[in-house]
Amino acid sequence: MEEDIRKIMELLCFKNFDIEVDDGRRLFSIHVADEFVSKEKLPKLISDLNKIIRLVAKKKGSEPIVIDINNYRRERENIIIELARAAARQAVVTKAPVHLPAMNAYERRLIHAELSARPDVKTESIGEGKERRVVITFIEE
């Protein structure tokens, strides 16, 4: 798959990039030194590139993989986990449900996983489609 990713990046006219592979997570980290790749454009670029790569992997019968560019995904995961922890603390202190902003399924799953070991809070996804969000609720003992 690395060679396929390399070809796609070249077709997208990226000239200065490097690819690192984490086989355990099936994560391909791409580091791009290009003025086109700004923080504002990264979410869309990563989403679109992931769709393309998943189609290529499916056609080749490969396992699904994940693309990260310039550590955007890793940084986003850290922000989501910190948000989950802060919201859980708020729910415990105020004893009131905390509604997080709408998130995609992957981000909601990060929150559920992060707080699953805490016996003092529960998490629940509510809403439909792009408005689906996590609610964190205090559990009294």
C-alpha atoms as a PDB file:
ATOM      1  CA  MET A   1       0.000   0.000   0.000  1.00  0.00           C
ATOM      2  CA  GLU A   2       2.891   2.363   0.641  1.00  0.00           C
ATOM      3  CA  GLU A   3       3.746   2.437  -3.066  1.00  0.00           C
ATOM      4  CA  ASP A   4       0.089   3.172  -3.922  1.00  0.00           C
ATOM      5  CA  ILE A   5       0.040   6.046  -1.436  1.00  0.00           C
ATOM      6  CA  ARG A   6       3.280   7.370  -2.886  1.00  0.00           C
ATOM      7  CA  LYS A   7       1.778   7.315  -6.417  1.00  0.00           C
ATOM      8  CA  ILE A   8      -1.399   9.065  -5.272  1.00  0.00           C
ATOM      9  CA  MET A   9       0.594  11.779  -3.506  1.00  0.00           C
ATOM     10  CA  GLU A  10       2.631  12.327  -6.665  1.00  0.00           C
ATOM     11  CA  LEU A  11      -0.547  12.485  -8.774  1.00  0.00           C
ATOM     12  CA  LEU A  12      -1.818  15.146  -6.369  1.00  0.00           C
ATOM     13  CA  CYS A  13       1.360  17.113  -7.209  1.00  0.00           C
ATOM     14  CA  PHE A  14       2.977  16.801  -3.791  1.00  0.00           C
ATOM     15  CA  LYS A  15       6.710  16.777  -4.297  1.00  0.00           C
ATOM     16  CA  ASN A  16       8.245  16.918  -0.836  1.00  0.00           C
ATOM     17  CA  PHE A  17       6.698  14.240   1.402  1.00  0.00           C
ATOM     18  CA  ASP A  18       7.736  11.306   3.550  1.00  0.00           C
ATOM     19  CA  ILE A  19       5.676   8.254   4.569  1.00  0.00           C
ATOM     20  CA  GLU A  20       6.019   6.342   7.846  1.00  0.00           C
ATOM     21  CA  VAL A  21       4.147   3.070   8.407  1.00  0.00           C
ATOM     22  CA  ASP A  22       2.845   1.750  11.739  1.00  0.00           C
ATOM     23  CA  ASP A  23       1.846  -1.811  10.819  1.00  0.00           C
ATOM     24  CA  GLY A  24       0.297  -2.469  14.220  1.00  0.00           C
ATOM     25  CA  ARG A  25      -2.362   0.197  13.742  1.00  0.00           C
ATOM     26  CA  ARG A  26      -2.329   0.079   9.936  1.00  0.00           C
ATOM     27  CA  LEU A  27      -1.566   3.813  10.124  1.00  0.00           C
ATOM     28  CA  PHE A  28       0.319   5.622   7.399  1.00  0.00           C
ATOM     29  CA  SER A  29       1.730   8.950   8.607  1.00  0.00           C
ATOM     30  CA  ILE A  30       2.548  11.295   5.786  1.00  0.00           C
ATOM     31  CA  HIS A  31       4.695  14.343   6.458  1.00  0.00           C
ATOM     32  CA  VAL A  32       4.250  16.954   3.740  1.00  0.00           C
ATOM     33  CA  ALA A  33       6.388  20.055   3.331  1.00  0.00           C
ATOM     34  CA  ASP A  34       4.200  22.038   0.949  1.00  0.00           C
ATOM     35  CA  GLU A  35       2.583  25.470   1.216  1.00  0.00           C
ATOM     36  CA  PHE A  36      -0.729  23.972   0.023  1.00  0.00           C
ATOM     37  CA  VAL A  37      -1.020  21.920   3.226  1.00  0.00           C
ATOM     38  CA  SER A  38      -2.327  24.354   5.834  1.00  0.00           C
ATOM     39  CA  LYS A  39      -4.106  23.537   9.115  1.00  0.00           C
ATOM     40  CA  GLU A  40      -7.377  24.742   7.590  1.00  0.00           C
ATOM     41  CA  LYS A  41      -7.133  22.387   4.608  1.00  0.00           C
ATOM     42  CA  LEU A  42      -5.869  19.312   6.465  1.00  0.00           C
ATOM     43  CA  PRO A  43      -9.222  17.880   7.651  1.00  0.00           C
ATOM     44  CA  LYS A  44     -10.670  17.812   4.129  1.00  0.00           C
ATOM     45  CA  LEU A  45      -7.434  16.569   2.578  1.00  0.00           C
ATOM     46  CA  ILE A  46      -7.142  13.735   5.117  1.00  0.00           C
ATOM     47  CA  SER A  47     -10.796  12.766   4.704  1.00  0.00           C
ATOM     48  CA  ASP A  48     -10.597  12.724   0.913  1.00  0.00           C
ATOM     49  CA  LEU A  49      -7.284  10.879   0.850  1.00  0.00           C
ATOM     50  CA  ASN A  50      -8.595   8.282   3.321  1.00  0.00           C
ATOM     51  CA  LYS A  51     -11.585   7.626   1.035  1.00  0.00           C
ATOM     52  CA  ILE A  52      -9.342   7.144  -1.981  1.00  0.00           C
ATOM     53  CA  ILE A  53      -6.899   4.885  -0.137  1.00  0.00           C
ATOM     54  CA  ARG A  54      -9.692   2.769   1.348  1.00  0.00           C
ATOM     55  CA  LEU A  55     -11.107   2.213  -2.145  1.00  0.00           C
ATOM     56  CA  VAL A  56      -7.668   1.178  -3.417  1.00  0.00           C
ATOM     57  CA  ALA A  57      -7.157  -1.145  -0.431  1.00  0.00           C
ATOM     58  CA  LYS A  58     -10.592  -2.702  -0.935  1.00  0.00           C
ATOM     59  CA  LYS A  59      -9.953  -3.275  -4.618  1.00  0.00           C
ATOM     60  CA  LYS A  60      -6.623  -4.956  -3.811  1.00  0.00           C
ATOM     61  CA  GLY A  61      -8.167  -7.036  -1.022  1.00  0.00           C
ATOM     62  CA  SER A  62      -5.987  -5.325   1.612  1.00  0.00           C
ATOM     63  CA  GLU A  63      -6.920  -4.542   5.191  1.00  0.00           C
ATOM     64  CA  PRO A  64      -8.396  -1.063   5.745  1.00  0.00           C
ATOM     65  CA  ILE A  65      -5.778   1.540   6.596  1.00  0.00           C
ATOM     66  CA  VAL A  66      -5.774   5.041   8.024  1.00  0.00           C
ATOM     67  CA  ILE A  67      -3.931   8.076   6.717  1.00  0.00           C
ATOM     68  CA  ASP A  68      -2.605  10.912   8.890  1.00  0.00           C
ATOM     69  CA  ILE A  69      -0.954  14.003   7.470  1.00  0.00           C
ATOM     70  CA  ASN A  70       1.466  16.159   9.476  1.00  0.00           C
ATOM     71  CA  ASN A  71       0.229  14.529  12.707  1.00  0.00           C
ATOM     72  CA  TYR A  72      -3.164  16.248  12.411  1.00  0.00           C
ATOM     73  CA  ARG A  73      -5.099  13.107  13.357  1.00  0.00           C
ATOM     74  CA  ARG A  74      -2.858  12.371  16.360  1.00  0.00           C
ATOM     75  CA  GLU A  75      -3.191  15.959  17.631  1.00  0.00           C
ATOM     76  CA  ARG A  76      -6.973  15.836  17.124  1.00  0.00           C
ATOM     77  CA  GLU A  77      -7.174  12.559  19.090  1.00  0.00           C
ATOM     78  CA  ASN A  78      -5.296  14.178  21.991  1.00  0.00           C
ATOM     79  CA  ILE A  79      -7.664  17.165  21.956  1.00  0.00           C
ATOM     80  CA  ILE A  80     -10.735  14.868  21.947  1.00  0.00           C
ATOM     81  CA  ILE A  81      -9.356  12.808  24.871  1.00  0.00           C
ATOM     82  CA  GLU A  82      -8.622  15.956  26.889  1.00  0.00           C
ATOM     83  CA  LEU A  83     -12.134  17.233  26.113  1.00  0.00           C
ATOM     84  CA  ALA A  84     -13.593  13.927  27.365  1.00  0.00           C
ATOM     85  CA  ARG A  85     -11.634  14.119  30.620  1.00  0.00           C
ATOM     86  CA  ALA A  86     -12.603  17.753  31.223  1.00  0.00           C
ATOM     87  CA  ALA A  87     -16.272  17.043  30.489  1.00  0.00           C
ATOM     88  CA  ALA A  88     -16.234  14.060  32.873  1.00  0.00           C
ATOM     89  CA  ARG A  89     -14.760  16.256  35.633  1.00  0.00           C
ATOM     90  CA  GLN A  90     -17.460  18.854  34.938  1.00  0.00           C
ATOM     91  CA  ALA A  91     -20.220  16.224  35.076  1.00  0.00           C
ATOM     92  CA  VAL A  92     -18.945  14.943  38.436  1.00  0.00           C
ATOM     93  CA  VAL A  93     -18.610  18.415  39.959  1.00  0.00           C
ATOM     94  CA  THR A  94     -21.929  19.806  38.714  1.00  0.00           C
ATOM     95  CA  LYS A  95     -23.846  16.490  38.869  1.00  0.00           C
ATOM     96  CA  ALA A  96     -25.431  17.605  35.574  1.00  0.00           C
ATOM     97  CA  PRO A  97     -25.162  16.010  32.128  1.00  0.00           C
ATOM     98  CA  VAL A  98     -22.506  17.511  29.868  1.00  0.00           C
ATOM     99  CA  HIS A  99     -23.367  17.654  26.154  1.00  0.00           C
ATOM    100  CA  LEU A 100     -20.347  17.640  23.879  1.00  0.00           C
ATOM    101  CA  PRO A 101     -20.388  19.117  20.371  1.00  0.00           C
ATOM    102  CA  ALA A 102     -21.386  16.988  17.388  1.00  0.00           C
ATOM    103  CA  MET A 103     -18.603  14.609  16.328  1.00  0.00           C
ATOM    104  CA  ASN A 104     -17.984  11.861  13.841  1.00  0.00           C
ATOM    105  CA  ALA A 105     -18.227   8.201  14.871  1.00  0.00           C
ATOM    106  CA  TYR A 106     -14.475   7.802  15.353  1.00  0.00           C
ATOM    107  CA  GLU A 107     -14.262  10.785  17.715  1.00  0.00           C
ATOM    108  CA  ARG A 108     -17.305   9.620  19.699  1.00  0.00           C
ATOM    109  CA  ARG A 109     -15.732   6.176  20.013  1.00  0.00           C
ATOM    110  CA  LEU A 110     -12.562   7.798  21.417  1.00  0.00           C
ATOM    111  CA  ILE A 111     -14.636   9.468  24.139  1.00  0.00           C
ATOM    112  CA  HIS A 112     -16.553   6.293  25.015  1.00  0.00           C
ATOM    113  CA  ALA A 113     -13.277   4.329  25.218  1.00  0.00           C
ATOM    114  CA  GLU A 114     -11.476   6.975  27.269  1.00  0.00           C
ATOM    115  CA  LEU A 115     -14.233   7.224  29.891  1.00  0.00           C
ATOM    116  CA  SER A 116     -15.275   3.548  29.946  1.00  0.00           C
ATOM    117  CA  ALA A 117     -13.013   2.770  32.915  1.00  0.00           C
ATOM    118  CA  ARG A 118     -14.519   5.526  35.060  1.00  0.00           C
ATOM    119  CA  PRO A 119     -17.224   4.163  37.376  1.00  0.00           C
ATOM    120  CA  ASP A 120     -18.495   7.659  38.238  1.00  0.00           C
ATOM    121  CA  VAL A 121     -19.677   8.637  34.741  1.00  0.00           C
ATOM    122  CA  LYS A 122     -21.470   7.094  31.804  1.00  0.00           C
ATOM    123  CA  THR A 123     -21.386   8.123  28.172  1.00  0.00           C
ATOM    124  CA  GLU A 124     -24.164   7.936  25.623  1.00  0.00           C
ATOM    125  CA  SER A 125     -24.406   9.013  21.999  1.00  0.00           C
ATOM    126  CA  ILE A 126     -27.565  10.915  21.086  1.00  0.00           C
ATOM    127  CA  GLY A 127     -28.892  12.606  17.969  1.00  0.00           C
ATOM    128  CA  GLU A 128     -28.901  11.681  14.312  1.00  0.00           C
ATOM    129  CA  GLY A 129     -26.458  11.988  11.447  1.00  0.00           C
ATOM    130  CA  LYS A 130     -24.042  14.896  11.561  1.00  0.00           C
ATOM    131  CA  GLU A 131     -25.684  16.159  14.770  1.00  0.00           C
ATOM    132  CA  ARG A 132     -24.828  12.994  16.761  1.00  0.00           C
ATOM    133  CA  ARG A 133     -23.008  13.845  19.978  1.00  0.00           C
ATOM    134  CA  VAL A 134     -21.896  12.373  23.289  1.00  0.00           C
ATOM    135  CA  VAL A 135     -23.560  13.149  26.598  1.00  0.00           C
ATOM    136  CA  ILE A 136     -21.579  12.462  29.787  1.00  0.00           C
ATOM    137  CA  THR A 137     -23.632  11.850  32.910  1.00  0.00           C
ATOM    138  CA  PHE A 138     -22.601  11.535  36.561  1.00  0.00           C
ATOM    139  CA  ILE A 139     -23.465   8.210  38.212  1.00  0.00           C
ATOM    140  CA  GLU A 140     -24.225   8.305  41.912  1.00  0.00           C
ATOM    141  CA  GLU A 141     -22.943   5.400  43.939  1.00  0.00           C
END
